Amino acid sequence: MRRFLNYFLNGFLIVAPIGLTGYILYAVFHWLDELFKIQDVPGLGLLVAVLVVTAIGFVAKSFMVRPFLVIAERILHRTPLVSIIYSSLKDLFDAFVGDNQKFNRPVLVRLNAHDEVYKMGFVTQETMLAIGREELLAVYFPHSYNFSGELVLVPAANITYLDLPSSEVMKFIVSGGVSRLM
């Protein structure tokens, strides 16, 4: 019985990630097909979504459309409740992609002076002059197996910059240290 259980668990550890990945991809494809009301050709919704987003990006780069986007963004920033949601989401997306990426400086932070305990994170602000603490840096620590994290202000002396790709460090942290670094 114990051997059977071990085989089952080994099989589960192989099948579960593959199955969940497949299901999530299927659900996204299906949702996009329903969104664009294209159910005759599976996956065509994804193609339409990519084309629509690309077309919007192309039009948005036009010098004629730029002023309208600036006005629309100002309106979104001034609308109560909407401004909180919009600005939070915009900052989050800007942190991961675009010209203002924030998670591009992975660091190793010594948690205290007495122990050799370290935590990996990303510097998001080089100085906290805004709160009168110029010697502190803002470091974001993502949580493992979760889409959350915590921001901690630490002295610059406790930080060691890592010469590693940010995507690899993020994957390492989010996997709880299970994935390999390079």
Protein backbone atom coordinates (compact mmCIF):
# COMPACT_ATOMS: atom_id res chain seq x y z
CA MET A 1 0.00 0.00 0.00
CA ARG A 2 2.85 2.40 0.84
CA ARG A 3 4.49 1.73 -2.56
CA PHE A 4 1.15 2.39 -4.29
CA LEU A 5 0.84 5.70 -2.43
CA ASN A 6 4.40 6.70 -3.43
CA TYR A 7 3.66 5.92 -7.09
CA PHE A 8 0.45 7.89 -6.87
CA LEU A 9 2.21 10.93 -5.33
CA ASN A 10 5.00 10.78 -7.93
CA GLY A 11 2.43 10.63 -10.71
CA PHE A 12 0.44 13.45 -9.13
CA LEU A 13 3.55 15.67 -8.96
CA ILE A 14 4.06 15.09 -12.68
CA VAL A 15 0.44 15.33 -13.84
CA ALA A 16 -0.80 18.21 -11.63
CA PRO A 17 1.47 21.02 -12.96
CA ILE A 18 0.99 19.86 -16.56
CA GLY A 19 -2.77 19.49 -16.11
CA LEU A 20 -3.19 22.86 -14.39
CA THR A 21 -1.08 24.61 -17.02
CA GLY A 22 -3.14 23.00 -19.78
CA TYR A 23 -6.40 23.90 -18.05
CA ILE A 24 -5.39 27.53 -17.53
CA LEU A 25 -4.34 27.85 -21.18
CA TYR A 26 -7.60 26.21 -22.29
CA ALA A 27 -9.63 28.54 -20.04
CA VAL A 28 -7.87 31.64 -21.41
CA PHE A 29 -8.36 30.51 -25.02
CA HIS A 30 -12.00 29.65 -24.35
CA TRP A 31 -12.63 32.96 -22.57
CA LEU A 32 -11.08 34.95 -25.44
CA ASP A 33 -13.11 32.97 -28.00
CA GLU A 34 -16.30 33.75 -26.07
CA LEU A 35 -15.28 37.38 -25.59
CA PHE A 36 -14.95 37.89 -29.34
CA LYS A 37 -17.82 35.49 -30.09
CA ILE A 38 -15.59 33.29 -32.26
CA GLN A 39 -16.38 29.71 -31.36
CA ASP A 40 -16.07 28.10 -34.77
CA VAL A 41 -12.25 28.23 -34.76
CA PRO A 42 -10.67 27.49 -31.36
CA GLY A 43 -7.86 29.91 -30.50
CA LEU A 44 -8.89 32.56 -33.01
CA GLY A 45 -9.94 34.75 -30.07
CA LEU A 46 -6.31 34.86 -28.91
CA LEU A 47 -5.18 35.96 -32.36
CA VAL A 48 -7.88 38.65 -32.46
CA ALA A 49 -6.90 39.85 -28.95
CA VAL A 50 -3.21 40.09 -29.94
CA LEU A 51 -4.10 42.00 -33.11
CA VAL A 52 -6.46 44.39 -31.27
CA VAL A 53 -3.92 45.14 -28.51
CA THR A 54 -1.16 45.63 -31.13
CA ALA A 55 -3.39 47.97 -33.15
CA ILE A 56 -4.19 49.98 -30.01
CA GLY A 57 -0.45 50.21 -29.25
CA PHE A 58 0.25 51.35 -32.81
CA VAL A 59 -2.47 54.01 -32.71
CA ALA A 60 -1.39 55.13 -29.21
CA LYS A 61 2.13 55.90 -30.50
CA SER A 62 0.65 58.32 -33.03
CA PHE A 63 1.35 61.97 -32.24
CA MET A 64 -2.29 62.78 -33.06
CA VAL A 65 -3.71 60.43 -30.40
CA ARG A 66 -1.21 61.25 -27.64
CA PRO A 67 -3.05 64.37 -26.36
CA PHE A 68 -6.31 62.42 -26.06
CA LEU A 69 -4.57 59.72 -24.01
CA VAL A 70 -3.08 62.35 -21.70
CA ILE A 71 -6.52 63.93 -21.18
CA ALA A 72 -8.14 60.51 -20.58
CA GLU A 73 -5.43 59.64 -18.04
CA ARG A 74 -5.94 62.95 -16.21
CA ILE A 75 -9.67 62.25 -16.00
CA LEU A 76 -9.00 58.76 -14.62
CA HIS A 77 -6.59 60.21 -12.03
CA ARG A 78 -9.16 62.77 -10.86
CA THR A 79 -12.15 60.45 -10.60
CA PRO A 80 -12.72 59.25 -7.02
CA LEU A 81 -12.28 55.48 -6.50
CA VAL A 82 -11.38 55.01 -10.17
CA SER A 83 -8.15 56.93 -9.57
CA ILE A 84 -7.09 54.53 -6.80
CA ILE A 85 -7.72 51.46 -8.91
CA TYR A 86 -6.30 52.89 -12.14
CA SER A 87 -3.13 54.36 -10.63
CA SER A 88 -2.42 51.20 -8.62
CA LEU A 89 -2.82 48.95 -11.65
CA LYS A 90 -0.82 51.29 -13.89
CA ASP A 91 2.03 51.44 -11.37
CA LEU A 92 1.97 47.64 -11.02
CA PHE A 93 2.14 47.09 -14.79
CA ASP A 94 4.83 49.75 -15.15
CA ALA A 95 6.87 47.99 -12.46
CA PHE A 96 7.00 44.78 -14.52
CA VAL A 97 7.11 46.06 -18.12
CA GLY A 98 7.79 49.28 -19.94
CA ASP A 99 10.34 52.01 -19.48
CA ASN A 100 9.96 52.33 -15.70
CA GLN A 101 10.58 48.75 -14.61
CA LYS A 102 11.02 48.57 -10.84
CA PHE A 103 11.92 44.92 -10.33
CA ASN A 104 15.16 45.07 -12.28
CA ARG A 105 17.62 45.35 -9.39
CA PRO A 106 17.73 42.10 -7.42
CA VAL A 107 19.46 42.26 -4.06
CA LEU A 108 20.44 40.09 -1.14
CA VAL A 109 19.54 41.75 2.18
CA ARG A 110 21.15 40.85 5.49
CA LEU A 111 18.26 40.87 7.94
CA ASN A 112 20.24 41.78 11.04
CA ALA A 113 23.81 42.45 12.05
CA HIS A 114 24.10 39.46 14.40
CA ASP A 115 22.99 36.53 12.22
CA GLU A 116 23.91 35.32 8.77
CA VAL A 117 20.29 35.40 7.63
CA TYR A 118 19.53 36.87 4.22
CA LYS A 119 16.45 37.54 2.11
CA MET A 120 16.24 38.14 -1.65
CA GLY A 121 14.28 41.08 -2.99
CA PHE A 122 14.28 44.01 -5.41
CA VAL A 123 15.29 47.63 -4.78
CA THR A 124 12.39 49.87 -5.78
CA GLN A 125 13.71 53.20 -4.41
CA GLU A 126 17.39 54.10 -3.93
CA THR A 127 16.66 56.62 -1.19
CA MET A 128 13.86 57.43 1.21
CA LEU A 129 14.58 61.17 1.28
CA ALA A 130 10.82 61.78 1.06
CA ILE A 131 10.46 60.57 4.67
CA GLY A 132 13.73 62.10 5.86
CA ARG A 133 15.70 58.83 5.86
CA GLU A 134 18.18 59.21 3.00
CA GLU A 135 20.26 56.25 4.23
CA LEU A 136 17.39 53.77 3.70
CA LEU A 137 16.47 51.97 0.49
CA ALA A 138 13.03 50.55 -0.33
CA VAL A 139 13.26 46.81 -1.01
CA TYR A 140 10.31 44.72 -2.18
CA PHE A 141 10.23 41.09 -1.04
CA PRO A 142 7.79 38.95 -3.07
CA HIS A 143 6.16 36.09 -1.20
CA SER A 144 6.65 32.50 -2.30
CA TYR A 145 3.74 30.80 -4.06
CA ASN A 146 1.66 33.94 -3.87
CA PHE A 147 1.08 37.18 -5.72
CA SER A 148 1.84 39.40 -2.79
CA GLY A 149 4.86 40.72 -0.99
CA GLU A 150 6.11 43.21 1.53
CA LEU A 151 8.05 46.45 1.29
CA VAL A 152 10.85 46.89 3.82
CA LEU A 153 13.13 49.89 4.30
CA VAL A 154 16.69 48.76 5.01
CA PRO A 155 20.07 50.45 5.42
CA ALA A 156 22.21 50.46 2.29
CA ALA A 157 24.97 48.68 4.21
CA ASN A 158 22.75 45.58 4.50
CA ILE A 159 22.27 45.28 0.74
CA THR A 160 24.32 43.30 -1.75
CA TYR A 161 23.36 43.72 -5.40
CA LEU A 162 23.09 40.44 -7.29
CA ASP A 163 24.49 40.06 -10.78
CA LEU A 164 21.58 37.88 -11.88
CA PRO A 165 18.65 38.41 -14.24
CA SER A 166 15.64 39.81 -12.39
CA SER A 167 13.32 37.23 -13.95
CA GLU A 168 15.43 34.39 -12.56
CA VAL A 169 15.50 35.90 -9.07
CA MET A 170 11.72 36.49 -9.15
CA LYS A 171 11.13 32.89 -10.28
CA PHE A 172 13.45 31.63 -7.52
CA ILE A 173 11.65 33.65 -4.83
CA VAL A 174 8.11 32.88 -5.99
CA SER A 175 8.92 29.16 -6.22
CA GLY A 176 10.03 29.20 -2.61
CA GLY A 177 13.63 28.53 -3.63
CA VAL A 178 12.71 25.34 -5.47
CA SER A 179 13.67 26.52 -8.97
CA ARG A 180 17.34 26.83 -9.75
CA LEU A 181 19.17 30.11 -10.14
CA MET A 182 20.79 29.98 -13.57
